[in-house]
Amino acid sequence: IAAINETYYCPFRSETEKQISKEDLDICLPLFKNWMKELSPKRVLSFSSKLRDYFIGKELIGHMETLELGSGKIKVKAVKGVIKVGRKNVSIAFLPELESTISKENLAFIWQWIK
């Protein structure tokens, strides 16, 4: 547990994620990269679909795999791959947002899938 850190990609204060603009995300990218170099993590986890879509749009995720679970209107999406941190490749996973409606079985499946 001592080796686990929690941080925000974008440290700008906002009431909701919707208030964070693409420009905010652009400004924070160098900060994030430097912070990751400092921490040298084995894995990065994110629960933000906005950050997931930003990383995908910027083509920052290598060896990307996508998992979609659910049916009808209720679907959740998870993405995993690697990001460059300095000279290292670091595993990254974007998981369904914490507010997502997801069954315990699907959640367990996703945790196994990202391992």
N, C-alpha and C. Protein backbone atom coordinates (compact mmCIF):
# COMPACT_ATOMS: atom_id res chain seq x y z
N ILE A 1 0.83 -1.20 0.00
CA ILE A 1 0.00 0.00 0.00
C ILE A 1 0.87 1.26 0.00
N ALA A 2 2.02 1.23 0.64
CA ALA A 2 2.88 2.41 0.69
C ALA A 2 3.33 2.85 -0.69
N ALA A 3 3.30 1.95 -1.65
CA ALA A 3 3.75 2.28 -3.00
C ALA A 3 2.63 2.80 -3.89
N ILE A 4 1.47 3.05 -3.33
CA ILE A 4 0.33 3.55 -4.10
C ILE A 4 0.21 5.05 -3.91
N ASN A 5 0.06 5.77 -5.02
CA ASN A 5 -0.14 7.21 -4.99
C ASN A 5 -1.42 7.55 -5.71
N GLU A 6 -2.06 8.59 -5.24
CA GLU A 6 -3.26 9.09 -5.91
C GLU A 6 -2.99 10.54 -6.29
N THR A 7 -3.35 10.90 -7.50
CA THR A 7 -3.15 12.26 -7.95
C THR A 7 -4.21 12.61 -8.98
N TYR A 8 -4.27 13.86 -9.32
CA TYR A 8 -5.15 14.32 -10.39
C TYR A 8 -4.30 14.62 -11.61
N TYR A 9 -4.77 14.26 -12.77
CA TYR A 9 -4.08 14.61 -14.01
C TYR A 9 -4.07 16.13 -14.16
N CYS A 10 -5.22 16.72 -13.96
CA CYS A 10 -5.39 18.16 -14.12
C CYS A 10 -5.68 18.76 -12.74
N PRO A 11 -4.70 19.47 -12.16
CA PRO A 11 -4.91 19.97 -10.80
C PRO A 11 -5.79 21.21 -10.69
N PHE A 12 -6.29 21.71 -11.83
CA PHE A 12 -7.15 22.89 -11.77
C PHE A 12 -8.45 22.52 -11.05
N ARG A 13 -8.88 23.38 -10.17
CA ARG A 13 -10.08 23.12 -9.38
C ARG A 13 -11.32 23.36 -10.23
N SER A 14 -12.24 22.43 -10.15
CA SER A 14 -13.51 22.58 -10.85
C SER A 14 -14.55 21.74 -10.11
N GLU A 15 -15.79 22.12 -10.26
CA GLU A 15 -16.85 21.36 -9.60
C GLU A 15 -17.10 20.04 -10.31
N THR A 16 -16.99 20.07 -11.64
CA THR A 16 -17.21 18.85 -12.41
C THR A 16 -16.13 18.72 -13.48
N GLU A 17 -15.94 17.50 -13.95
CA GLU A 17 -14.96 17.24 -14.99
C GLU A 17 -15.31 17.97 -16.28
N LYS A 18 -16.59 18.21 -16.51
CA LYS A 18 -17.03 18.89 -17.73
C LYS A 18 -16.47 20.30 -17.83
N GLN A 19 -16.09 20.89 -16.71
CA GLN A 19 -15.55 22.25 -16.72
C GLN A 19 -14.09 22.29 -17.14
N ILE A 20 -13.44 21.14 -17.25
CA ILE A 20 -12.04 21.08 -17.68
C ILE A 20 -12.01 21.02 -19.20
N SER A 21 -11.33 21.98 -19.79
CA SER A 21 -11.30 22.10 -21.25
C SER A 21 -10.16 21.29 -21.85
N LYS A 22 -10.18 21.15 -23.17
CA LYS A 22 -9.08 20.50 -23.88
C LYS A 22 -7.79 21.28 -23.66
N GLU A 23 -7.90 22.60 -23.62
CA GLU A 23 -6.73 23.44 -23.37
C GLU A 23 -6.14 23.16 -21.99
N ASP A 24 -7.01 22.95 -20.99
CA ASP A 24 -6.54 22.59 -19.65
C ASP A 24 -5.77 21.27 -19.70
N LEU A 25 -6.33 20.29 -20.43
CA LEU A 25 -5.67 18.99 -20.56
C LEU A 25 -4.33 19.13 -21.27
N ASP A 26 -4.28 19.97 -22.31
CA ASP A 26 -3.02 20.21 -23.03
C ASP A 26 -1.96 20.80 -22.11
N ILE A 27 -2.36 21.78 -21.31
CA ILE A 27 -1.43 22.43 -20.38
C ILE A 27 -0.89 21.43 -19.36
N CYS A 28 -1.72 20.49 -18.95
CA CYS A 28 -1.35 19.55 -17.89
C CYS A 28 -0.50 18.38 -18.39
N LEU A 29 -0.47 18.13 -19.68
CA LEU A 29 0.27 16.97 -20.21
C LEU A 29 1.75 16.99 -19.81
N PRO A 30 2.48 18.11 -19.99
CA PRO A 30 3.89 18.10 -19.56
C PRO A 30 4.04 17.90 -18.05
N LEU A 31 3.12 18.47 -17.27
CA LEU A 31 3.16 18.27 -15.81
C LEU A 31 2.99 16.80 -15.46
N PHE A 32 2.02 16.16 -16.12
CA PHE A 32 1.76 14.74 -15.90
C PHE A 32 2.98 13.90 -16.26
N LYS A 33 3.57 14.17 -17.42
CA LYS A 33 4.74 13.41 -17.86
C LYS A 33 5.89 13.55 -16.86
N ASN A 34 6.14 14.76 -16.39
CA ASN A 34 7.20 14.97 -15.40
C ASN A 34 6.89 14.27 -14.08
N TRP A 35 5.63 14.32 -13.66
CA TRP A 35 5.22 13.66 -12.41
C TRP A 35 5.39 12.15 -12.54
N MET A 36 5.04 11.59 -13.68
CA MET A 36 5.20 10.15 -13.89
C MET A 36 6.68 9.75 -13.90
N LYS A 37 7.54 10.59 -14.48
CA LYS A 37 8.98 10.30 -14.45
C LYS A 37 9.48 10.28 -13.01
N GLU A 38 9.00 11.21 -12.22
CA GLU A 38 9.41 11.30 -10.81
C GLU A 38 8.93 10.08 -10.01
N LEU A 39 7.68 9.69 -10.23
CA LEU A 39 7.11 8.56 -9.48
C LEU A 39 7.61 7.21 -10.00
N SER A 40 7.86 7.13 -11.29
CA SER A 40 8.27 5.88 -11.94
C SER A 40 7.31 4.73 -11.60
N PRO A 41 6.02 4.90 -11.92
CA PRO A 41 5.04 3.87 -11.55
C PRO A 41 5.14 2.63 -12.43
N LYS A 42 4.64 1.53 -11.89
CA LYS A 42 4.52 0.31 -12.68
C LYS A 42 3.23 0.33 -13.48
N ARG A 43 2.21 0.98 -12.94
CA ARG A 43 0.90 1.03 -13.58
C ARG A 43 0.19 2.32 -13.21
N VAL A 44 -0.58 2.84 -14.15
CA VAL A 44 -1.40 4.03 -13.94
C VAL A 44 -2.84 3.62 -14.18
N LEU A 45 -3.72 4.02 -13.27
CA LEU A 45 -5.16 3.76 -13.40
C LEU A 45 -5.88 5.10 -13.45
N SER A 46 -6.87 5.19 -14.32
CA SER A 46 -7.69 6.38 -14.41
C SER A 46 -9.16 5.97 -14.48
N PHE A 47 -10.00 6.78 -13.86
CA PHE A 47 -11.45 6.54 -13.90
C PHE A 47 -12.15 7.65 -14.69
N SER A 48 -11.41 8.30 -15.57
CA SER A 48 -11.95 9.44 -16.32
C SER A 48 -12.11 9.10 -17.80
N SER A 49 -13.35 9.12 -18.28
CA SER A 49 -13.57 8.89 -19.71
C SER A 49 -13.07 10.08 -20.53
N LYS A 50 -13.12 11.27 -19.95
CA LYS A 50 -12.61 12.45 -20.65
C LYS A 50 -11.10 12.33 -20.87
N LEU A 51 -10.37 11.91 -19.84
CA LEU A 51 -8.93 11.73 -19.97
C LEU A 51 -8.62 10.56 -20.91
N ARG A 52 -9.40 9.51 -20.84
CA ARG A 52 -9.23 8.36 -21.76
C ARG A 52 -9.35 8.83 -23.21
N ASP A 53 -10.42 9.56 -23.50
CA ASP A 53 -10.64 10.04 -24.86
C ASP A 53 -9.55 11.01 -25.30
N TYR A 54 -9.06 11.83 -24.38
CA TYR A 54 -7.97 12.76 -24.68
C TYR A 54 -6.69 11.99 -25.04
N PHE A 55 -6.34 10.99 -24.24
CA PHE A 55 -5.14 10.19 -24.51
C PHE A 55 -5.27 9.45 -25.84
N ILE A 56 -6.46 8.91 -26.11
CA ILE A 56 -6.68 8.22 -27.39
C ILE A 56 -6.54 9.22 -28.54
N GLY A 57 -7.16 10.38 -28.42
CA GLY A 57 -7.09 11.40 -29.47
C GLY A 57 -5.67 11.89 -29.73
N LYS A 58 -4.86 11.95 -28.70
CA LYS A 58 -3.46 12.38 -28.82
C LYS A 58 -2.53 11.23 -29.19
N GLU A 59 -3.10 10.03 -29.34
CA GLU A 59 -2.35 8.82 -29.67
C GLU A 59 -1.22 8.58 -28.68
N LEU A 60 -1.53 8.73 -27.39
CA LEU A 60 -0.55 8.54 -26.33
C LEU A 60 -0.52 7.11 -25.80
N ILE A 61 -1.48 6.29 -26.23
CA ILE A 61 -1.57 4.92 -25.72
C ILE A 61 -1.08 3.95 -26.79
N GLY A 62 -0.04 3.21 -26.47
CA GLY A 62 0.44 2.18 -27.37
C GLY A 62 -0.14 0.83 -27.00
N HIS A 63 -0.16 -0.08 -27.93
CA HIS A 63 -0.67 -1.45 -27.71
C HIS A 63 -2.04 -1.41 -27.05
N MET A 64 -2.89 -0.52 -27.53
CA MET A 64 -4.20 -0.29 -26.91
C MET A 64 -5.18 -1.42 -27.18
N GLU A 65 -5.87 -1.81 -26.12
CA GLU A 65 -6.97 -2.78 -26.21
C GLU A 65 -8.19 -2.16 -25.55
N THR A 66 -9.36 -2.46 -26.09
CA THR A 66 -10.61 -1.91 -25.57
C THR A 66 -11.55 -3.04 -25.20
N LEU A 67 -12.25 -2.85 -24.09
CA LEU A 67 -13.23 -3.82 -23.63
C LEU A 67 -14.53 -3.07 -23.37
N GLU A 68 -15.63 -3.55 -23.96
CA GLU A 68 -16.94 -2.95 -23.74
C GLU A 68 -17.85 -4.03 -23.17
N LEU A 69 -18.47 -3.72 -22.05
CA LEU A 69 -19.37 -4.68 -21.39
C LEU A 69 -20.73 -4.05 -21.19
N GLY A 70 -21.73 -4.88 -21.13
CA GLY A 70 -23.08 -4.42 -20.90
C GLY A 70 -23.94 -4.66 -22.12
N SER A 71 -25.17 -4.23 -22.01
CA SER A 71 -26.08 -4.39 -23.14
C SER A 71 -27.06 -3.23 -23.16
N GLY A 72 -27.67 -3.05 -24.29
CA GLY A 72 -28.65 -1.97 -24.43
C GLY A 72 -28.01 -0.62 -24.22
N LYS A 73 -28.68 0.21 -23.44
CA LYS A 73 -28.19 1.55 -23.17
C LYS A 73 -27.09 1.58 -22.11
N ILE A 74 -27.01 0.53 -21.32
CA ILE A 74 -26.04 0.50 -20.23
C ILE A 74 -24.80 -0.28 -20.66
N LYS A 75 -23.78 0.47 -21.08
CA LYS A 75 -22.51 -0.13 -21.48
C LYS A 75 -21.40 0.61 -20.77
N VAL A 76 -20.36 -0.13 -20.42
CA VAL A 76 -19.17 0.49 -19.84
C VAL A 76 -17.99 0.13 -20.71
N LYS A 77 -17.03 1.02 -20.74
CA LYS A 77 -15.86 0.83 -21.58
C LYS A 77 -14.60 0.91 -20.73
N ALA A 78 -13.68 -0.01 -20.99
CA ALA A 78 -12.37 0.02 -20.36
C ALA A 78 -11.32 -0.03 -21.47
N VAL A 79 -10.21 0.63 -21.24
CA VAL A 79 -9.12 0.66 -22.20
C VAL A 79 -7.83 0.39 -21.45
N LYS A 80 -6.95 -0.40 -22.07
CA LYS A 80 -5.64 -0.62 -21.47
C LYS A 80 -4.58 -0.54 -22.55
N GLY A 81 -3.37 -0.26 -22.13
CA GLY A 81 -2.25 -0.18 -23.06
C GLY A 81 -1.01 0.26 -22.31
N VAL A 82 -0.13 0.95 -23.01
CA VAL A 82 1.08 1.48 -22.39
C VAL A 82 1.28 2.93 -22.82
N ILE A 83 1.92 3.68 -21.93
CA ILE A 83 2.31 5.05 -22.24
C ILE A 83 3.82 5.16 -22.04
N LYS A 84 4.44 6.06 -22.75
CA LYS A 84 5.86 6.32 -22.61
C LYS A 84 6.08 7.24 -21.41
N VAL A 85 6.93 6.81 -20.50
CA VAL A 85 7.35 7.64 -19.38
C VAL A 85 8.87 7.68 -19.45
N GLY A 86 9.39 8.76 -20.00
CA GLY A 86 10.83 8.79 -20.27
C GLY A 86 11.15 7.73 -21.31
N ARG A 87 12.03 6.82 -20.94
CA ARG A 87 12.40 5.72 -21.84
C ARG A 87 11.63 4.44 -21.55
N LYS A 88 10.80 4.47 -20.51
CA LYS A 88 10.07 3.28 -20.10
C LYS A 88 8.65 3.26 -20.65
N ASN A 89 8.15 2.06 -20.88
CA ASN A 89 6.73 1.86 -21.16
C ASN A 89 6.05 1.52 -19.85
N VAL A 90 4.98 2.22 -19.53
CA VAL A 90 4.24 2.00 -18.29
C VAL A 90 2.81 1.58 -18.65
N SER A 91 2.33 0.53 -17.99
CA SER A 91 0.95 0.08 -18.20
C SER A 91 -0.01 1.16 -17.75
N ILE A 92 -1.05 1.35 -18.54
CA ILE A 92 -2.11 2.30 -18.17
C ILE A 92 -3.45 1.64 -18.44
N ALA A 93 -4.40 1.92 -17.58
CA ALA A 93 -5.76 1.41 -17.78
C ALA A 93 -6.75 2.51 -17.44
N PHE A 94 -7.73 2.64 -18.30
CA PHE A 94 -8.84 3.57 -18.07
C PHE A 94 -10.05 2.72 -17.77
N LEU A 95 -10.54 2.85 -16.54
CA LEU A 95 -11.64 2.03 -16.06
C LEU A 95 -12.93 2.83 -16.08
N PRO A 96 -14.08 2.14 -16.00
CA PRO A 96 -15.35 2.87 -15.95
C PRO A 96 -15.37 3.84 -14.78
N GLU A 97 -16.01 4.96 -15.00
CA GLU A 97 -16.11 5.97 -13.95
C GLU A 97 -16.77 5.37 -12.71
N LEU A 98 -16.38 5.89 -11.56
CA LEU A 98 -16.85 5.33 -10.30
C LEU A 98 -18.37 5.38 -10.16
N GLU A 99 -19.01 6.32 -10.85
CA GLU A 99 -20.47 6.44 -10.77
C GLU A 99 -21.18 5.46 -11.71
N SER A 100 -20.42 4.73 -12.52
CA SER A 100 -21.02 3.83 -13.51
C SER A 100 -21.82 2.72 -12.83
N THR A 101 -22.92 2.36 -13.49
CA THR A 101 -23.70 1.21 -13.05
C THR A 101 -23.08 -0.02 -13.70
N ILE A 102 -22.52 -0.88 -12.88
CA ILE A 102 -21.84 -2.06 -13.40
C ILE A 102 -22.02 -3.20 -12.41
N SER A 103 -22.28 -4.37 -12.93
CA SER A 103 -22.48 -5.51 -12.05
C SER A 103 -21.16 -5.92 -11.40
N LYS A 104 -21.25 -6.60 -10.27
CA LYS A 104 -20.06 -7.08 -9.58
C LYS A 104 -19.27 -8.04 -10.46
N GLU A 105 -19.99 -8.84 -11.24
CA GLU A 105 -19.33 -9.81 -12.13
C GLU A 105 -18.51 -9.08 -13.21
N ASN A 106 -19.12 -8.07 -13.84
CA ASN A 106 -18.42 -7.31 -14.86
C ASN A 106 -17.23 -6.54 -14.28
N LEU A 107 -17.41 -5.99 -13.09
CA LEU A 107 -16.32 -5.27 -12.44
C LEU A 107 -15.15 -6.22 -12.15
N ALA A 108 -15.45 -7.40 -11.64
CA ALA A 108 -14.41 -8.40 -11.39
C ALA A 108 -13.72 -8.80 -12.68
N PHE A 109 -14.50 -8.94 -13.75
CA PHE A 109 -13.93 -9.30 -15.06
C PHE A 109 -12.97 -8.21 -15.53
N ILE A 110 -13.35 -6.93 -15.38
CA ILE A 110 -12.51 -5.84 -15.80
C ILE A 110 -11.19 -5.82 -15.02
N TRP A 111 -11.27 -6.02 -13.69
CA TRP A 111 -10.04 -6.03 -12.88
C TRP A 111 -9.12 -7.15 -13.32
N GLN A 112 -9.67 -8.31 -13.67
CA GLN A 112 -8.83 -9.41 -14.17
C GLN A 112 -8.25 -9.07 -15.54
N TRP A 113 -9.03 -8.41 -16.37
CA TRP A 113 -8.62 -8.07 -17.72
C TRP A 113 -7.44 -7.10 -17.73
N ILE A 114 -7.39 -6.16 -16.78
CA ILE A 114 -6.31 -5.18 -16.79
C ILE A 114 -5.01 -5.71 -16.19
N LYS A 115 -5.05 -6.84 -15.54
CA LYS A 115 -3.82 -7.37 -14.91
C LYS A 115 -2.74 -7.65 -15.92
